[in-house]
Structures are given as structure tokens and as C-alpha cells.
Amino acid sequence: MSMTTGMKNVSVRWRKASRALKIDDQKYGIRLAEALERHKGPEYAMFDDPLEASVFFLLIEMMKEKENGQQAATTGKSQ
């Protein structure tokens, strides 16, 4: 299985798992799957494990959101 296929499989499983969450938490599961789907291609080459790659790229997305939120708070603008 290729890394791209592996990452896609993780994303699909996370979307399915999100349905089993409480209604209020489902949106977060979907957001995680969507964030994972934004990462594609050659950047996977540094990983052998799709789950490790998934966590790595999700942490990057979370850090971006946090940074954007902090910038918005200091400038008073919404990103």
C-alpha cells in the first residue's frame, strides 16, 4: 500500500469514527479528517507509517490554527 493510500484510509476511518462521537464532538472529528486531506503527495516520502504521518501533519495544522488565532487576537481581525 502506498503512503497516499494509507493516508486516505486513515482519513476515511476518522470520518467514520466521527459519526460515533457525541453530536458536539463530531465537527472536530470531521475537521481533523479534512485537515489531513489537505496534505498530499511528496511530503509523505519522509514517513513509513501512515498514522505517524497523519499525526505529524495534523499537529502542523493545529499549530497553524493556533498561530492564526493568536495573530487575529492581537490585530483584532478574524482569519
Protein backbone atom coordinates (compact mmCIF):
# COMPACT_ATOMS: atom_id res chain seq x y z
CA MET A 1 0.00 0.00 0.00
CA SER A 2 1.33 3.45 -0.89
CA MET A 3 1.58 6.25 1.66
CA THR A 4 -1.06 8.22 -0.24
CA THR A 5 -3.47 5.29 0.00
CA GLY A 6 -2.58 4.79 3.65
CA MET A 7 -3.25 8.44 4.48
CA LYS A 8 -6.54 8.35 2.58
CA ASN A 9 -7.55 5.23 4.53
CA VAL A 10 -6.78 6.98 7.83
CA SER A 11 -8.86 9.97 6.77
CA VAL A 12 -11.80 7.74 5.77
CA ARG A 13 -11.63 5.84 9.07
CA TRP A 14 -11.54 9.10 11.04
CA ARG A 15 -14.61 10.38 9.19
CA LYS A 16 -16.46 7.15 10.00
CA ALA A 17 -15.31 7.24 13.63
CA SER A 18 -16.57 10.83 13.91
CA ARG A 19 -20.13 9.60 13.38
CA ALA A 20 -19.92 7.64 16.63
CA LEU A 21 -18.90 10.70 18.66
CA LYS A 22 -21.27 12.92 20.59
CA ILE A 23 -23.02 15.41 18.31
CA ASP A 24 -20.98 18.31 19.71
CA ASP A 25 -17.70 16.46 19.04
CA GLN A 26 -18.47 15.21 15.53
CA LYS A 27 -17.46 18.51 13.92
CA TYR A 28 -13.98 18.18 15.42
CA GLY A 29 -13.50 14.68 14.04
CA ILE A 30 -14.56 15.89 10.59
CA ARG A 31 -12.19 18.87 10.84
CA LEU A 32 -9.32 16.50 11.64
CA ALA A 33 -10.10 14.37 8.59
CA GLU A 34 -10.36 17.48 6.41
CA ALA A 35 -7.05 18.83 7.71
CA LEU A 36 -5.40 15.52 6.90
CA GLU A 37 -6.82 15.56 3.38
CA ARG A 38 -5.12 18.92 2.69
CA HIS A 39 -1.71 17.23 2.81
CA LYS A 40 -0.84 15.27 -0.29
CA GLY A 41 2.00 13.97 -2.35
CA PRO A 42 5.76 14.16 -1.97
CA GLU A 43 5.70 15.34 1.63
CA TYR A 44 4.72 11.77 2.62
CA ALA A 45 8.06 10.41 1.41
CA MET A 46 9.75 11.07 4.74
CA PHE A 47 7.41 8.63 6.55
CA ASP A 48 6.96 4.85 6.51
CA ASP A 49 3.85 4.81 8.70
CA PRO A 50 0.59 6.50 7.58
CA LEU A 51 -0.54 7.02 11.18
CA GLU A 52 2.72 8.75 12.12
CA ALA A 53 2.42 10.97 9.05
CA SER A 54 -1.21 11.73 9.92
CA VAL A 55 -0.35 12.86 13.43
CA PHE A 56 2.60 14.93 12.19
CA PHE A 57 0.55 16.79 9.59
CA LEU A 58 -2.38 17.31 11.97
CA LEU A 59 -0.08 18.82 14.56
CA ILE A 60 1.21 21.21 11.90
CA GLU A 61 -2.38 22.19 11.05
CA MET A 62 -3.19 22.72 14.74
CA MET A 63 -0.13 24.90 15.21
CA LYS A 64 -1.11 26.98 12.17
CA GLU A 65 -4.62 27.46 13.56
CA LYS A 66 -3.25 28.44 16.96
CA GLU A 67 -0.81 30.91 15.40
CA ASN A 68 -3.53 32.40 13.18
CA GLY A 69 -5.81 32.72 16.20
CA GLN A 70 -3.12 34.49 18.20
CA GLN A 71 -2.43 36.86 15.32
CA ALA A 72 -6.14 37.61 14.97
CA ALA A 73 -6.40 38.29 18.69
CA THR A 74 -3.53 40.80 18.61
CA THR A 75 -4.74 42.56 15.47
CA GLY A 76 -8.44 42.29 16.23
CA LYS A 77 -9.07 40.63 12.87
CA SER A 78 -10.59 37.26 12.16
CA GLN A 79 -8.60 34.99 9.81
